[in-house]
Amino acid sequence: MALDLIQARHDRDAPYSQRSFAIDESLHAQLLAGAQPRADYPLLHKMRDYYADTTFLLGELRDLNAELARVAVRCADPAQVRALQDFVEAAFADGDNLYACAD
């Protein structure tokens, strides 16, 4: 079971999207442990509940990527965070939103 980030233009398109990034429990824990203090990472903390859905709008994606860049240096596996950053950058470049969907 993973928290899937799904790239789509609209939420109604998310179930049909072929573009996704799976955040496993380990990566989720690393992201939130590194995203402290919480007030400095408001977007990452939108995903604090691993089993809840949330949305990142196109206008939030640059800030989300900046938060990921700051967290990457604190993570045990920064390569995973960089892969997530690449995914967020691609969604931004395509003009899409990201939908975090819990399985």
PDB file of N, CA and C in Angstrom:
ATOM      1  N   MET A   1       0.839  -1.172   0.000  1.00  0.00           N
ATOM      2  CA  MET A   1       0.000   0.000   0.000  1.00  0.00           C
ATOM      3  C   MET A   1       0.889   1.242   0.000  1.00  0.00           C
ATOM      4  N   ALA A   2       0.559   2.198  -0.844  1.00  0.00           N
ATOM      5  CA  ALA A   2       1.350   3.419  -0.953  1.00  0.00           C
ATOM      6  C   ALA A   2       0.416   4.617  -1.080  1.00  0.00           C
ATOM      7  N   LEU A   3       0.981   5.776  -0.820  1.00  0.00           N
ATOM      8  CA  LEU A   3       0.294   7.027  -1.088  1.00  0.00           C
ATOM      9  C   LEU A   3       0.726   7.427  -2.496  1.00  0.00           C
ATOM     10  N   ASP A   4      -0.210   7.427  -3.421  1.00  0.00           N
ATOM     11  CA  ASP A   4       0.112   7.699  -4.815  1.00  0.00           C
ATOM     12  C   ASP A   4      -0.125   9.156  -5.145  1.00  0.00           C
ATOM     13  N   LEU A   5       0.884   9.800  -5.715  1.00  0.00           N
ATOM     14  CA  LEU A   5       0.727  11.138  -6.272  1.00  0.00           C
ATOM     15  C   LEU A   5       0.394  10.943  -7.740  1.00  0.00           C
ATOM     16  N   ILE A   6      -0.746  11.460  -8.147  1.00  0.00           N
ATOM     17  CA  ILE A   6      -1.213  11.269  -9.513  1.00  0.00           C
ATOM     18  C   ILE A   6      -1.254  12.617 -10.215  1.00  0.00           C
ATOM     19  N   GLN A   7      -0.639  12.669 -11.379  1.00  0.00           N
ATOM     20  CA  GLN A   7      -0.598  13.897 -12.178  1.00  0.00           C
ATOM     21  C   GLN A   7      -1.808  13.924 -13.096  1.00  0.00           C
ATOM     22  N   ALA A   8      -2.595  14.995 -13.011  1.00  0.00           N
ATOM     23  CA  ALA A   8      -3.759  15.141 -13.884  1.00  0.00           C
ATOM     24  C   ALA A   8      -4.176  16.608 -13.944  1.00  0.00           C
ATOM     25  N   ARG A   9      -4.849  16.981 -14.992  1.00  0.00           N
ATOM     26  CA  ARG A   9      -5.313  18.352 -15.153  1.00  0.00           C
ATOM     27  C   ARG A   9      -6.467  18.640 -14.193  1.00  0.00           C
ATOM     28  N   HIS A  10      -7.377  17.675 -14.028  1.00  0.00           N
ATOM     29  CA  HIS A  10      -8.543  17.825 -13.159  1.00  0.00           C
ATOM     30  C   HIS A  10      -8.703  16.569 -12.317  1.00  0.00           C
ATOM     31  N   ASP A  11      -9.345  16.703 -11.163  1.00  0.00           N
ATOM     32  CA  ASP A  11      -9.513  15.538 -10.292  1.00  0.00           C
ATOM     33  C   ASP A  11     -10.303  14.430 -10.966  1.00  0.00           C
ATOM     34  N   ARG A  12     -11.222  14.786 -11.839  1.00  0.00           N
ATOM     35  CA  ARG A  12     -12.011  13.759 -12.538  1.00  0.00           C
ATOM     36  C   ARG A  12     -11.147  12.916 -13.480  1.00  0.00           C
ATOM     37  N   ASP A  13      -9.982  13.455 -13.885  1.00  0.00           N
ATOM     38  CA  ASP A  13      -9.077  12.741 -14.787  1.00  0.00           C
ATOM     39  C   ASP A  13      -8.081  11.856 -14.037  1.00  0.00           C
ATOM     40  N   ALA A  14      -7.939  12.076 -12.741  1.00  0.00           N
ATOM     41  CA  ALA A  14      -6.920  11.357 -11.963  1.00  0.00           C
ATOM     42  C   ALA A  14      -7.026   9.832 -12.062  1.00  0.00           C
ATOM     43  N   PRO A  15      -8.238   9.258 -11.989  1.00  0.00           N
ATOM     44  CA  PRO A  15      -8.310   7.787 -12.070  1.00  0.00           C
ATOM     45  C   PRO A  15      -7.800   7.207 -13.390  1.00  0.00           C
ATOM     46  N   TYR A  16      -7.717   8.035 -14.426  1.00  0.00           N
ATOM     47  CA  TYR A  16      -7.316   7.552 -15.747  1.00  0.00           C
ATOM     48  C   TYR A  16      -5.880   7.926 -16.108  1.00  0.00           C
ATOM     49  N   SER A  17      -5.223   8.664 -15.237  1.00  0.00           N
ATOM     50  CA  SER A  17      -3.872   9.122 -15.514  1.00  0.00           C
ATOM     51  C   SER A  17      -2.878   7.969 -15.476  1.00  0.00           C
ATOM     52  N   GLN A  18      -1.912   8.035 -16.360  1.00  0.00           N
ATOM     53  CA  GLN A  18      -0.835   7.040 -16.406  1.00  0.00           C
ATOM     54  C   GLN A  18       0.422   7.549 -15.709  1.00  0.00           C
ATOM     55  N   ARG A  19       0.358   8.774 -15.171  1.00  0.00           N
ATOM     56  CA  ARG A  19       1.521   9.388 -14.533  1.00  0.00           C
ATOM     57  C   ARG A  19       1.318   9.433 -13.033  1.00  0.00           C
ATOM     58  N   SER A  20       2.151   8.685 -12.334  1.00  0.00           N
ATOM     59  CA  SER A  20       2.020   8.661 -10.875  1.00  0.00           C
ATOM     60  C   SER A  20       3.375   8.398 -10.225  1.00  0.00           C
ATOM     61  N   PHE A  21       3.418   8.700  -8.939  1.00  0.00           N
ATOM     62  CA  PHE A  21       4.614   8.470  -8.135  1.00  0.00           C
ATOM     63  C   PHE A  21       4.148   7.876  -6.818  1.00  0.00           C
ATOM     64  N   ALA A  22       4.656   6.695  -6.469  1.00  0.00           N
ATOM     65  CA  ALA A  22       4.267   6.012  -5.235  1.00  0.00           C
ATOM     66  C   ALA A  22       5.181   6.422  -4.090  1.00  0.00           C
ATOM     67  N   ILE A  23       4.568   6.913  -3.032  1.00  0.00           N
ATOM     68  CA  ILE A  23       5.309   7.279  -1.815  1.00  0.00           C
ATOM     69  C   ILE A  23       5.061   6.179  -0.794  1.00  0.00           C
ATOM     70  N   ASP A  24       6.094   5.374  -0.527  1.00  0.00           N
ATOM     71  CA  ASP A  24       5.922   4.302   0.452  1.00  0.00           C
ATOM     72  C   ASP A  24       6.024   4.870   1.867  1.00  0.00           C
ATOM     73  N   GLU A  25       5.724   4.043   2.841  1.00  0.00           N
ATOM     74  CA  GLU A  25       5.698   4.510   4.234  1.00  0.00           C
ATOM     75  C   GLU A  25       7.057   5.034   4.687  1.00  0.00           C
ATOM     76  N   SER A  26       8.122   4.420   4.235  1.00  0.00           N
ATOM     77  CA  SER A  26       9.464   4.844   4.623  1.00  0.00           C
ATOM     78  C   SER A  26       9.775   6.251   4.103  1.00  0.00           C
ATOM     79  N   LEU A  27       9.504   6.486   2.828  1.00  0.00           N
ATOM     80  CA  LEU A  27       9.744   7.812   2.259  1.00  0.00           C
ATOM     81  C   LEU A  27       8.837   8.849   2.923  1.00  0.00           C
ATOM     82  N   HIS A  28       7.605   8.496   3.147  1.00  0.00           N
ATOM     83  CA  HIS A  28       6.663   9.406   3.813  1.00  0.00           C
ATOM     84  C   HIS A  28       7.201   9.812   5.183  1.00  0.00           C
ATOM     85  N   ALA A  29       7.675   8.839   5.938  1.00  0.00           N
ATOM     86  CA  ALA A  29       8.214   9.121   7.273  1.00  0.00           C
ATOM     87  C   ALA A  29       9.444  10.020   7.182  1.00  0.00           C
ATOM     88  N   GLN A  30      10.326   9.760   6.214  1.00  0.00           N
ATOM     89  CA  GLN A  30      11.516  10.590   6.035  1.00  0.00           C
ATOM     90  C   GLN A  30      11.146  12.030   5.680  1.00  0.00           C
ATOM     91  N   LEU A  31      10.168  12.190   4.794  1.00  0.00           N
ATOM     92  CA  LEU A  31       9.748  13.524   4.382  1.00  0.00           C
ATOM     93  C   LEU A  31       9.222  14.330   5.565  1.00  0.00           C
ATOM     94  N   LEU A  32       8.349  13.709   6.339  1.00  0.00           N
ATOM     95  CA  LEU A  32       7.746  14.449   7.451  1.00  0.00           C
ATOM     96  C   LEU A  32       8.727  14.656   8.598  1.00  0.00           C
ATOM     97  N   ALA A  33       9.641  13.732   8.808  1.00  0.00           N
ATOM     98  CA  ALA A  33      10.644  13.921   9.855  1.00  0.00           C
ATOM     99  C   ALA A  33      11.575  15.079   9.497  1.00  0.00           C
ATOM    100  N   GLY A  34      11.876  15.216   8.212  1.00  0.00           N
ATOM    101  CA  GLY A  34      12.754  16.288   7.779  1.00  0.00           C
ATOM    102  C   GLY A  34      12.055  17.627   7.624  1.00  0.00           C
ATOM    103  N   ALA A  35      10.741  17.599   7.529  1.00  0.00           N
ATOM    104  CA  ALA A  35       9.957  18.818   7.292  1.00  0.00           C
ATOM    105  C   ALA A  35       9.595  19.493   8.607  1.00  0.00           C
ATOM    106  N   GLN A  36      10.616  19.896   9.327  1.00  0.00           N
ATOM    107  CA  GLN A  36      10.428  20.556  10.625  1.00  0.00           C
ATOM    108  C   GLN A  36      11.220  21.852  10.644  1.00  0.00           C
ATOM    109  N   PRO A  37      10.721  22.903  11.237  1.00  0.00           N
ATOM    110  CA  PRO A  37       9.436  22.997  11.916  1.00  0.00           C
ATOM    111  C   PRO A  37       8.279  22.987  10.908  1.00  0.00           C
ATOM    112  N   ARG A  38       7.180  22.484  11.363  1.00  0.00           N
ATOM    113  CA  ARG A  38       6.012  22.262  10.515  1.00  0.00           C
ATOM    114  C   ARG A  38       5.589  23.534   9.761  1.00  0.00           C
ATOM    115  N   ALA A  39       5.656  24.677  10.406  1.00  0.00           N
ATOM    116  CA  ALA A  39       5.226  25.934   9.781  1.00  0.00           C
ATOM    117  C   ALA A  39       6.059  26.288   8.551  1.00  0.00           C
ATOM    118  N   ASP A  40       7.274  25.773   8.472  1.00  0.00           N
ATOM    119  CA  ASP A  40       8.144  26.051   7.330  1.00  0.00           C
ATOM    120  C   ASP A  40       7.881  25.126   6.140  1.00  0.00           C
ATOM    121  N   TYR A  41       7.041  24.113   6.337  1.00  0.00           N
ATOM    122  CA  TYR A  41       6.764  23.114   5.301  1.00  0.00           C
ATOM    123  C   TYR A  41       5.259  22.852   5.197  1.00  0.00           C
ATOM    124  N   PRO A  42       4.469  23.884   4.932  1.00  0.00           N
ATOM    125  CA  PRO A  42       3.014  23.692   4.931  1.00  0.00           C
ATOM    126  C   PRO A  42       2.514  22.739   3.850  1.00  0.00           C
ATOM    127  N   LEU A  43       3.180  22.700   2.715  1.00  0.00           N
ATOM    128  CA  LEU A  43       2.708  21.826   1.642  1.00  0.00           C
ATOM    129  C   LEU A  43       3.011  20.363   1.931  1.00  0.00           C
ATOM    130  N   LEU A  44       4.211  20.067   2.380  1.00  0.00           N
ATOM    131  CA  LEU A  44       4.518  18.680   2.725  1.00  0.00           C
ATOM    132  C   LEU A  44       3.603  18.169   3.839  1.00  0.00           C
ATOM    133  N   HIS A  45       3.247  19.049   4.737  1.00  0.00           N
ATOM    134  CA  HIS A  45       2.377  18.615   5.835  1.00  0.00           C
ATOM    135  C   HIS A  45       0.924  18.441   5.411  1.00  0.00           C
ATOM    136  N   LYS A  46       0.590  18.820   4.184  1.00  0.00           N
ATOM    137  CA  LYS A  46      -0.734  18.470   3.654  1.00  0.00           C
ATOM    138  C   LYS A  46      -0.841  16.950   3.500  1.00  0.00           C
ATOM    139  N   MET A  47       0.318  16.277   3.443  1.00  0.00           N
ATOM    140  CA  MET A  47       0.350  14.810   3.310  1.00  0.00           C
ATOM    141  C   MET A  47       0.642  14.119   4.643  1.00  0.00           C
ATOM    142  N   ARG A  48       0.466  14.818   5.758  1.00  0.00           N
ATOM    143  CA  ARG A  48       0.853  14.238   7.046  1.00  0.00           C
ATOM    144  C   ARG A  48       0.096  12.950   7.360  1.00  0.00           C
ATOM    145  N   ASP A  49      -1.151  12.843   6.897  1.00  0.00           N
ATOM    146  CA  ASP A  49      -1.919  11.619   7.109  1.00  0.00           C
ATOM    147  C   ASP A  49      -1.710  10.716   5.888  1.00  0.00           C
ATOM    148  N   TYR A  50      -0.972   9.650   6.087  1.00  0.00           N
ATOM    149  CA  TYR A  50      -0.614   8.734   4.998  1.00  0.00           C
ATOM    150  C   TYR A  50      -1.845   8.107   4.350  1.00  0.00           C
ATOM    151  N   TYR A  51      -2.936   8.061   5.069  1.00  0.00           N
ATOM    152  CA  TYR A  51      -4.136   7.378   4.588  1.00  0.00           C
ATOM    153  C   TYR A  51      -5.232   8.336   4.132  1.00  0.00           C
ATOM    154  N   ALA A  52      -4.893   9.603   3.932  1.00  0.00           N
ATOM    155  CA  ALA A  52      -5.882  10.588   3.496  1.00  0.00           C
ATOM    156  C   ALA A  52      -5.481  11.171   2.146  1.00  0.00           C
ATOM    157  N   ASP A  53      -6.475  11.579   1.391  1.00  0.00           N
ATOM    158  CA  ASP A  53      -6.246  12.199   0.095  1.00  0.00           C
ATOM    159  C   ASP A  53      -6.021  13.699   0.265  1.00  0.00           C
ATOM    160  N   THR A  54      -5.255  14.264  -0.645  1.00  0.00           N
ATOM    161  CA  THR A  54      -5.062  15.717  -0.681  1.00  0.00           C
ATOM    162  C   THR A  54      -4.717  16.125  -2.106  1.00  0.00           C
ATOM    163  N   THR A  55      -4.743  17.426  -2.349  1.00  0.00           N
ATOM    164  CA  THR A  55      -4.493  17.965  -3.680  1.00  0.00           C
ATOM    165  C   THR A  55      -3.423  19.041  -3.615  1.00  0.00           C
ATOM    166  N   PHE A  56      -2.536  19.012  -4.590  1.00  0.00           N
ATOM    167  CA  PHE A  56      -1.558  20.084  -4.790  1.00  0.00           C
ATOM    168  C   PHE A  56      -1.892  20.731  -6.124  1.00  0.00           C
ATOM    169  N   LEU A  57      -2.322  21.978  -6.065  1.00  0.00           N
ATOM    170  CA  LEU A  57      -2.672  22.693  -7.281  1.00  0.00           C
ATOM    171  C   LEU A  57      -1.417  23.153  -8.015  1.00  0.00           C
ATOM    172  N   LEU A  58      -1.560  23.386  -9.292  1.00  0.00           N
ATOM    173  CA  LEU A  58      -0.444  23.816 -10.134  1.00  0.00           C
ATOM    174  C   LEU A  58       0.309  24.980  -9.504  1.00  0.00           C
ATOM    175  N   GLY A  59      -0.394  25.935  -8.958  1.00  0.00           N
ATOM    176  CA  GLY A  59       0.232  27.106  -8.364  1.00  0.00           C
ATOM    177  C   GLY A  59       1.037  26.824  -7.111  1.00  0.00           C
ATOM    178  N   GLU A  60       0.882  25.630  -6.541  1.00  0.00           N
ATOM    179  CA  GLU A  60       1.630  25.235  -5.345  1.00  0.00           C
ATOM    180  C   GLU A  60       2.873  24.410  -5.655  1.00  0.00           C
ATOM    181  N   LEU A  61       3.004  23.961  -6.881  1.00  0.00           N
ATOM    182  CA  LEU A  61       4.044  22.973  -7.190  1.00  0.00           C
ATOM    183  C   LEU A  61       5.470  23.520  -7.084  1.00  0.00           C
ATOM    184  N   ARG A  62       5.687  24.772  -7.432  1.00  0.00           N
ATOM    185  CA  ARG A  62       7.043  25.334  -7.273  1.00  0.00           C
ATOM    186  C   ARG A  62       7.439  25.381  -5.801  1.00  0.00           C
ATOM    187  N   ASP A  63       6.497  25.805  -4.956  1.00  0.00           N
ATOM    188  CA  ASP A  63       6.781  25.855  -3.519  1.00  0.00           C
ATOM    189  C   ASP A  63       6.951  24.457  -2.945  1.00  0.00           C
ATOM    190  N   LEU A  64       6.171  23.498  -3.436  1.00  0.00           N
ATOM    191  CA  LEU A  64       6.330  22.112  -2.991  1.00  0.00           C
ATOM    192  C   LEU A  64       7.726  21.612  -3.348  1.00  0.00           C
ATOM    193  N   ASN A  65       8.173  21.923  -4.547  1.00  0.00           N
ATOM    194  CA  ASN A  65       9.507  21.491  -4.963  1.00  0.00           C
ATOM    195  C   ASN A  65      10.590  22.140  -4.108  1.00  0.00           C
ATOM    196  N   ALA A  66      10.399  23.391  -3.733  1.00  0.00           N
ATOM    197  CA  ALA A  66      11.368  24.068  -2.861  1.00  0.00           C
ATOM    198  C   ALA A  66      11.403  23.400  -1.485  1.00  0.00           C
ATOM    199  N   GLU A  67      10.248  23.022  -0.966  1.00  0.00           N
ATOM    200  CA  GLU A  67      10.212  22.310   0.314  1.00  0.00           C
ATOM    201  C   GLU A  67      10.928  20.972   0.198  1.00  0.00           C
ATOM    202  N   LEU A  68      10.718  20.268  -0.901  1.00  0.00           N
ATOM    203  CA  LEU A  68      11.392  18.984  -1.107  1.00  0.00           C
ATOM    204  C   LEU A  68      12.904  19.160  -1.179  1.00  0.00           C
ATOM    205  N   ALA A  69      13.357  20.215  -1.824  1.00  0.00           N
ATOM    206  CA  ALA A  69      14.801  20.469  -1.926  1.00  0.00           C
ATOM    207  C   ALA A  69      15.409  20.676  -0.544  1.00  0.00           C
ATOM    208  N   ARG A  70      14.713  21.387   0.328  1.00  0.00           N
ATOM    209  CA  ARG A  70      15.232  21.618   1.679  1.00  0.00           C
ATOM    210  C   ARG A  70      15.209  20.339   2.512  1.00  0.00           C
ATOM    211  N   VAL A  71      14.234  19.493   2.290  1.00  0.00           N
ATOM    212  CA  VAL A  71      14.118  18.244   3.052  1.00  0.00           C
ATOM    213  C   VAL A  71      15.113  17.196   2.561  1.00  0.00           C
ATOM    214  N   ALA A  72      15.441  17.219   1.277  1.00  0.00           N
ATOM    215  CA  ALA A  72      16.309  16.184   0.699  1.00  0.00           C
ATOM    216  C   ALA A  72      17.632  16.052   1.437  1.00  0.00           C
ATOM    217  N   VAL A  73      18.193  17.163   1.880  1.00  0.00           N
ATOM    218  CA  VAL A  73      19.490  17.105   2.556  1.00  0.00           C
ATOM    219  C   VAL A  73      19.389  16.451   3.932  1.00  0.00           C
ATOM    220  N   ARG A  74      18.195  16.314   4.455  1.00  0.00           N
ATOM    221  CA  ARG A  74      17.995  15.711   5.779  1.00  0.00           C
ATOM    222  C   ARG A  74      17.548  14.252   5.706  1.00  0.00           C
ATOM    223  N   CYS A  75      17.314  13.749   4.512  1.00  0.00           N
ATOM    224  CA  CYS A  75      16.773  12.393   4.360  1.00  0.00           C
ATOM    225  C   CYS A  75      17.873  11.353   4.217  1.00  0.00           C
ATOM    226  N   ALA A  76      17.570  10.158   4.689  1.00  0.00           N
ATOM    227  CA  ALA A  76      18.511   9.045   4.580  1.00  0.00           C
ATOM    228  C   ALA A  76      18.727   8.649   3.126  1.00  0.00           C
ATOM    229  N   ASP A  77      17.689   8.804   2.293  1.00  0.00           N
ATOM    230  CA  ASP A  77      17.798   8.454   0.876  1.00  0.00           C
ATOM    231  C   ASP A  77      17.393   9.658   0.028  1.00  0.00           C
ATOM    232  N   PRO A  78      18.307  10.619  -0.149  1.00  0.00           N
ATOM    233  CA  PRO A  78      17.959  11.810  -0.918  1.00  0.00           C
ATOM    234  C   PRO A  78      17.630  11.517  -2.384  1.00  0.00           C
ATOM    235  N   ALA A  79      18.079  10.385  -2.905  1.00  0.00           N
ATOM    236  CA  ALA A  79      17.778  10.039  -4.293  1.00  0.00           C
ATOM    237  C   ALA A  79      16.275   9.866  -4.497  1.00  0.00           C
ATOM    238  N   GLN A  80      15.589   9.302  -3.524  1.00  0.00           N
ATOM    239  CA  GLN A  80      14.135   9.150  -3.620  1.00  0.00           C
ATOM    240  C   GLN A  80      13.462  10.511  -3.642  1.00  0.00           C
ATOM    241  N   VAL A  81      13.951  11.418  -2.835  1.00  0.00           N
ATOM    242  CA  VAL A  81      13.373  12.760  -2.788  1.00  0.00           C
ATOM    243  C   VAL A  81      13.634  13.483  -4.105  1.00  0.00           C
ATOM    244  N   ARG A  82      14.814  13.311  -4.667  1.00  0.00           N
ATOM    245  CA  ARG A  82      15.116  13.929  -5.958  1.00  0.00           C
ATOM    246  C   ARG A  82      14.220  13.362  -7.057  1.00  0.00           C
ATOM    247  N   ALA A  83      13.921  12.074  -7.002  1.00  0.00           N
ATOM    248  CA  ALA A  83      13.003  11.479  -7.978  1.00  0.00           C
ATOM    249  C   ALA A  83      11.604  12.090  -7.833  1.00  0.00           C
ATOM    250  N   LEU A  84      11.191  12.315  -6.603  1.00  0.00           N
ATOM    251  CA  LEU A  84       9.903  12.963  -6.359  1.00  0.00           C
ATOM    252  C   LEU A  84       9.941  14.401  -6.882  1.00  0.00           C
ATOM    253  N   GLN A  85      11.044  15.105  -6.664  1.00  0.00           N
ATOM    254  CA  GLN A  85      11.189  16.458  -7.201  1.00  0.00           C
ATOM    255  C   GLN A  85      11.058  16.462  -8.729  1.00  0.00           C
ATOM    256  N   ASP A  86      11.670  15.505  -9.380  1.00  0.00           N
ATOM    257  CA  ASP A  86      11.580  15.409 -10.839  1.00  0.00           C
ATOM    258  C   ASP A  86      10.131  15.215 -11.276  1.00  0.00           C
ATOM    259  N   PHE A  87       9.399  14.397 -10.528  1.00  0.00           N
ATOM    260  CA  PHE A  87       7.996  14.155 -10.839  1.00  0.00           C
ATOM    261  C   PHE A  87       7.180  15.436 -10.688  1.00  0.00           C
ATOM    262  N   VAL A  88       7.425  16.170  -9.600  1.00  0.00           N
ATOM    263  CA  VAL A  88       6.716  17.432  -9.360  1.00  0.00           C
ATOM    264  C   VAL A  88       7.057  18.439 -10.461  1.00  0.00           C
ATOM    265  N   GLU A  89       8.324  18.507 -10.854  1.00  0.00           N
ATOM    266  CA  GLU A  89       8.741  19.421 -11.929  1.00  0.00           C
ATOM    267  C   GLU A  89       8.047  19.087 -13.245  1.00  0.00           C
ATOM    268  N   ALA A  90       7.917  17.807 -13.538  1.00  0.00           N
ATOM    269  CA  ALA A  90       7.249  17.384 -14.774  1.00  0.00           C
ATOM    270  C   ALA A  90       5.773  17.778 -14.756  1.00  0.00           C
ATOM    271  N   ALA A  91       5.128  17.606 -13.617  1.00  0.00           N
ATOM    272  CA  ALA A  91       3.715  17.994 -13.507  1.00  0.00           C
ATOM    273  C   ALA A  91       3.563  19.496 -13.728  1.00  0.00           C
ATOM    274  N   PHE A  92       4.466  20.277 -13.136  1.00  0.00           N
ATOM    275  CA  PHE A  92       4.428  21.725 -13.310  1.00  0.00           C
ATOM    276  C   PHE A  92       4.620  22.092 -14.783  1.00  0.00           C
ATOM    277  N   ALA A  93       5.610  21.485 -15.420  1.00  0.00           N
ATOM    278  CA  ALA A  93       5.903  21.767 -16.827  1.00  0.00           C
ATOM    279  C   ALA A  93       4.719  21.426 -17.727  1.00  0.00           C
ATOM    280  N   ASP A  94       3.960  20.392 -17.357  1.00  0.00           N
ATOM    281  CA  ASP A  94       2.802  19.969 -18.143  1.00  0.00           C
ATOM    282  C   ASP A  94       1.545  20.770 -17.804  1.00  0.00           C
ATOM    283  N   GLY A  95       1.609  21.607 -16.750  1.00  0.00           N
ATOM    284  CA  GLY A  95       0.458  22.413 -16.370  1.00  0.00           C
ATOM    285  C   GLY A  95      -0.600  21.631 -15.622  1.00  0.00           C
ATOM    286  N   ASP A  96      -0.178  20.573 -14.918  1.00  0.00           N
ATOM    287  CA  ASP A  96      -1.123  19.707 -14.213  1.00  0.00           C
ATOM    288  C   ASP A  96      -1.066  19.926 -12.700  1.00  0.00           C
ATOM    289  N   ASN A  97      -2.073  19.411 -12.040  1.00  0.00           N
ATOM    290  CA  ASN A  97      -2.124  19.351 -10.574  1.00  0.00           C
ATOM    291  C   ASN A  97      -1.630  17.984 -10.148  1.00  0.00           C
ATOM    292  N   LEU A  98      -1.395  17.832  -8.841  1.00  0.00           N
ATOM    293  CA  LEU A  98      -1.070  16.519  -8.270  1.00  0.00           C
ATOM    294  C   LEU A  98      -2.139  16.157  -7.255  1.00  0.00           C
ATOM    295  N   TYR A  99      -2.584  14.922  -7.321  1.00  0.00           N
ATOM    296  CA  TYR A  99      -3.595  14.398  -6.420  1.00  0.00           C
ATOM    297  C   TYR A  99      -2.986  13.256  -5.624  1.00  0.00           C
ATOM    298  N   ALA A 100      -2.896  13.442  -4.310  1.00  0.00           N
ATOM    299  CA  ALA A 100      -2.373  12.388  -3.437  1.00  0.00           C
ATOM    300  C   ALA A 100      -3.543  11.503  -3.044  1.00  0.00           C
ATOM    301  N   CYS A 101      -3.482  10.245  -3.437  1.00  0.00           N
ATOM    302  CA  CYS A 101      -4.577   9.316  -3.210  1.00  0.00           C
ATOM    303  C   CYS A 101      -4.087   8.128  -2.396  1.00  0.00           C
ATOM    304  N   ALA A 102      -4.720   7.919  -1.278  1.00  0.00           N
ATOM    305  CA  ALA A 102      -4.386   6.772  -0.437  1.00  0.00           C
ATOM    306  C   ALA A 102      -5.095   5.547  -0.988  1.00  0.00           C
ATOM    307  N   ASP A 103      -4.392   4.440  -1.034  1.00  0.00           N
ATOM    308  CA  ASP A 103      -5.002   3.177  -1.515  1.00  0.00           C
ATOM    309  C   ASP A 103      -5.993   2.643  -0.505  1.00  0.00           C
TER     310      ASP A 103
END
